[in-house]
Amino acid sequence: MVKIARVGDVRRVVTAERADGSSYVAIDGPPVRIWGNIAALWATENGRSVLPLRGAADDMTPGLATMFGAPGETRVGVLLFPPEGDPPPEGDSLDITLRPTGKTAGAGWHATYSYDYLFIVSGELWMFLDEEEVLLKAGDVVVQGGVNHAWRNKGNVPCLMYSVTLGVPESS
């Protein structure tokens, strides 16, 4: 079982290639950009991301303002949802450009300009949609494309979720 007490405990291992073509580990350590219970693990940005990775200088996560990129950009992250009633971890606030949508509004409800690929690693998490609720457990994968939703951990242990998001343009 995965035991992560806070997102800063996650180990980030990033490989790169030297000028002579040999591969090596360029980064091996904790995330450097954390917003409370969310940490950025990697990001690509249009016009700046190239292959192969050459080293730690290619790491765009320290300067990120959000976990959601512009169209064509990606973000990889980790989220830790404490049980309801537990105080949230302290940290910087996360800037999210929300897509106005859905019948339900209120605390925690949101939709983003992204495709989100979400992987439940440990614990359980409830996904709330306008018309239903879904219990997610370790091993479940969610593919979400800009729909209105909210998350709640009704259990008594934290839920660890990894995410890959792809920024997409707004439909016309």
Protein backbone atom coordinates (compact mmCIF):
# COMPACT_ATOMS: atom_id res chain seq x y z
CA MET A 1 0.00 0.00 0.00
CA VAL A 2 1.21 3.49 -0.84
CA LYS A 3 1.74 5.67 2.22
CA ILE A 4 2.13 9.34 1.38
CA ALA A 5 1.39 11.75 4.23
CA ARG A 6 1.75 14.90 2.11
CA VAL A 7 2.34 15.63 -1.57
CA GLY A 8 5.85 16.88 -0.80
CA ASP A 9 6.76 13.29 0.15
CA VAL A 10 6.42 12.11 -3.47
CA ARG A 11 9.71 11.29 -5.18
CA ARG A 12 10.18 12.83 -8.62
CA VAL A 13 12.72 11.10 -10.89
CA VAL A 14 13.37 12.81 -14.23
CA THR A 15 15.70 11.41 -16.88
CA ALA A 16 17.64 13.42 -19.44
CA GLU A 17 20.23 13.02 -22.18
CA ARG A 18 23.73 14.46 -22.28
CA ALA A 19 25.17 16.05 -25.42
CA ASP A 20 27.03 12.79 -26.16
CA GLY A 21 23.70 10.90 -26.24
CA SER A 22 24.05 9.10 -22.89
CA SER A 23 21.03 9.03 -20.58
CA TYR A 24 21.12 9.90 -16.88
CA VAL A 25 18.94 11.02 -13.95
CA ALA A 26 18.72 14.81 -14.00
CA ILE A 27 16.31 15.24 -11.05
CA ASP A 28 15.74 12.93 -8.10
CA GLY A 29 13.85 14.53 -5.26
CA PRO A 30 10.56 15.99 -4.04
CA PRO A 31 8.28 18.27 -6.06
CA VAL A 32 9.31 21.92 -6.03
CA ARG A 33 5.89 23.49 -6.75
CA ILE A 34 3.21 22.73 -4.17
CA TRP A 35 -0.21 24.26 -3.57
CA GLY A 36 -1.50 22.77 -0.29
CA ASN A 37 -2.63 19.25 -1.23
CA ILE A 38 -1.57 19.49 -4.92
CA ALA A 39 1.97 19.25 -6.31
CA ALA A 40 3.23 19.72 -9.86
CA LEU A 41 5.53 16.90 -10.93
CA TRP A 42 6.21 17.97 -14.53
CA ALA A 43 4.92 20.36 -17.19
CA THR A 44 5.28 20.96 -20.89
CA GLU A 45 4.69 24.31 -22.50
CA ASN A 46 4.13 25.22 -26.14
CA GLY A 47 7.28 26.55 -27.74
CA ARG A 48 9.54 25.65 -24.81
CA SER A 49 9.32 21.87 -24.53
CA VAL A 50 11.66 19.89 -26.74
CA LEU A 51 13.10 16.38 -26.86
CA PRO A 52 15.29 15.00 -25.62
CA LEU A 53 15.32 16.50 -22.13
CA ARG A 54 18.79 17.90 -21.47
CA GLY A 55 18.68 18.41 -17.72
CA ALA A 56 17.16 20.16 -14.74
CA ALA A 57 17.06 23.43 -16.71
CA ASP A 58 14.18 21.89 -18.73
CA ASP A 59 12.06 21.69 -15.55
CA MET A 60 9.25 24.24 -15.87
CA THR A 61 7.47 23.33 -12.63
CA PRO A 62 9.15 25.88 -10.30
CA GLY A 63 7.55 28.81 -12.16
CA LEU A 64 4.08 27.35 -12.66
CA ALA A 65 1.11 29.43 -11.56
CA THR A 66 -1.44 26.67 -12.20
CA MET A 67 -1.84 22.94 -12.72
CA PHE A 68 -3.82 23.60 -15.90
CA GLY A 69 -1.93 24.53 -19.05
CA ALA A 70 -2.92 26.40 -22.18
CA PRO A 71 -4.14 24.39 -25.19
CA GLY A 72 -1.57 21.74 -26.07
CA GLU A 73 0.31 22.02 -22.77
CA THR A 74 0.49 19.22 -20.22
CA ARG A 75 0.78 18.96 -16.47
CA VAL A 76 1.53 15.93 -14.32
CA GLY A 77 0.62 16.18 -10.67
CA VAL A 78 -0.26 14.48 -7.44
CA LEU A 79 -3.23 15.32 -5.21
CA LEU A 80 -3.86 14.19 -1.65
CA PHE A 81 -7.45 14.50 -0.40
CA PRO A 82 -7.72 14.39 3.40
CA PRO A 83 -10.88 12.93 4.95
CA GLU A 84 -13.74 15.42 5.28
CA GLY A 85 -13.37 17.38 8.47
CA ASP A 86 -9.56 17.23 8.51
CA PRO A 87 -7.91 20.62 8.04
CA PRO A 88 -6.50 21.14 4.55
CA PRO A 89 -2.72 21.41 4.24
CA GLU A 90 -1.31 24.92 4.25
CA GLY A 91 0.26 26.32 1.11
CA ASP A 92 -0.05 28.74 -1.75
CA SER A 93 -3.44 29.13 -3.40
CA LEU A 94 -3.87 27.54 -6.82
CA ASP A 95 -4.87 29.73 -9.76
CA ILE A 96 -7.47 27.86 -11.83
CA THR A 97 -9.21 29.27 -14.88
CA LEU A 98 -12.65 27.77 -14.48
CA ARG A 99 -15.01 26.98 -17.30
CA PRO A 100 -18.51 28.21 -16.38
CA THR A 101 -20.80 25.21 -16.69
CA GLY A 102 -23.10 22.82 -14.92
CA LYS A 103 -26.24 23.00 -12.88
CA THR A 104 -24.48 22.71 -9.53
CA ALA A 105 -22.37 25.41 -7.95
CA GLY A 106 -20.80 26.01 -4.58
CA ALA A 107 -17.69 25.12 -2.63
CA GLY A 108 -15.43 22.79 -4.53
CA TRP A 109 -17.51 22.64 -7.73
CA HIS A 110 -15.52 23.44 -10.87
CA ALA A 111 -14.79 22.64 -14.52
CA THR A 112 -11.54 23.40 -16.32
CA TYR A 113 -10.30 23.87 -19.88
CA SER A 114 -8.55 20.50 -19.91
CA TYR A 115 -8.76 16.79 -20.42
CA ASP A 116 -7.89 15.20 -17.09
CA TYR A 117 -6.60 11.65 -16.73
CA LEU A 118 -6.88 10.77 -13.04
CA PHE A 119 -5.47 7.69 -11.29
CA ILE A 120 -6.62 6.69 -7.79
CA VAL A 121 -3.60 5.15 -6.05
CA SER A 122 -4.84 4.68 -2.49
CA GLY A 123 -7.90 5.42 -0.40
CA GLU A 124 -11.35 6.27 -1.72
CA LEU A 125 -12.82 9.43 -3.20
CA TRP A 126 -16.33 10.45 -4.19
CA MET A 127 -16.69 12.24 -7.54
CA PHE A 128 -19.79 14.42 -7.62
CA LEU A 129 -21.35 15.31 -10.98
CA ASP A 130 -24.50 17.34 -11.62
CA GLU A 131 -26.61 14.19 -11.95
CA GLU A 132 -24.78 11.48 -10.01
CA GLU A 133 -22.13 10.50 -7.49
CA VAL A 134 -19.43 7.90 -8.12
CA LEU A 135 -17.28 6.16 -5.50
CA LEU A 136 -13.70 5.80 -6.75
CA LYS A 137 -11.27 3.30 -5.23
CA ALA A 138 -7.58 2.47 -5.59
CA GLY A 139 -6.91 1.28 -9.13
CA ASP A 140 -9.73 3.30 -10.71
CA VAL A 141 -9.03 5.71 -13.57
CA VAL A 142 -11.19 8.72 -14.48
CA VAL A 143 -11.13 10.48 -17.85
CA GLN A 144 -12.71 13.89 -17.49
CA GLY A 145 -13.15 16.42 -20.24
CA GLY A 146 -14.07 19.82 -18.85
CA VAL A 147 -17.25 18.78 -17.02
CA ASN A 148 -18.63 20.25 -13.82
CA HIS A 149 -17.55 18.20 -10.80
CA ALA A 150 -16.47 18.20 -7.16
CA TRP A 151 -14.44 15.83 -4.97
CA ARG A 152 -15.10 14.63 -1.42
CA ASN A 153 -13.28 12.11 0.72
CA LYS A 154 -15.97 10.62 2.96
CA GLY A 155 -13.58 7.94 4.27
CA ASN A 156 -11.25 8.03 7.23
CA VAL A 157 -7.92 7.81 5.35
CA PRO A 158 -6.41 10.20 2.79
CA CYS A 159 -6.93 9.51 -0.91
CA LEU A 160 -3.89 9.76 -3.18
CA MET A 161 -4.55 10.61 -6.83
CA TYR A 162 -2.12 11.22 -9.69
CA SER A 163 -3.18 13.39 -12.63
CA VAL A 164 -2.16 14.13 -16.18
CA THR A 165 -3.92 17.13 -17.72
CA LEU A 166 -3.91 18.34 -21.30
CA GLY A 167 -5.01 21.92 -21.91
CA VAL A 168 -7.63 22.21 -24.64
CA PRO A 169 -9.29 25.18 -26.33
CA GLU A 170 -12.80 26.25 -25.45
CA SER A 171 -15.41 24.94 -27.85
CA SER A 172 -17.18 27.55 -29.94
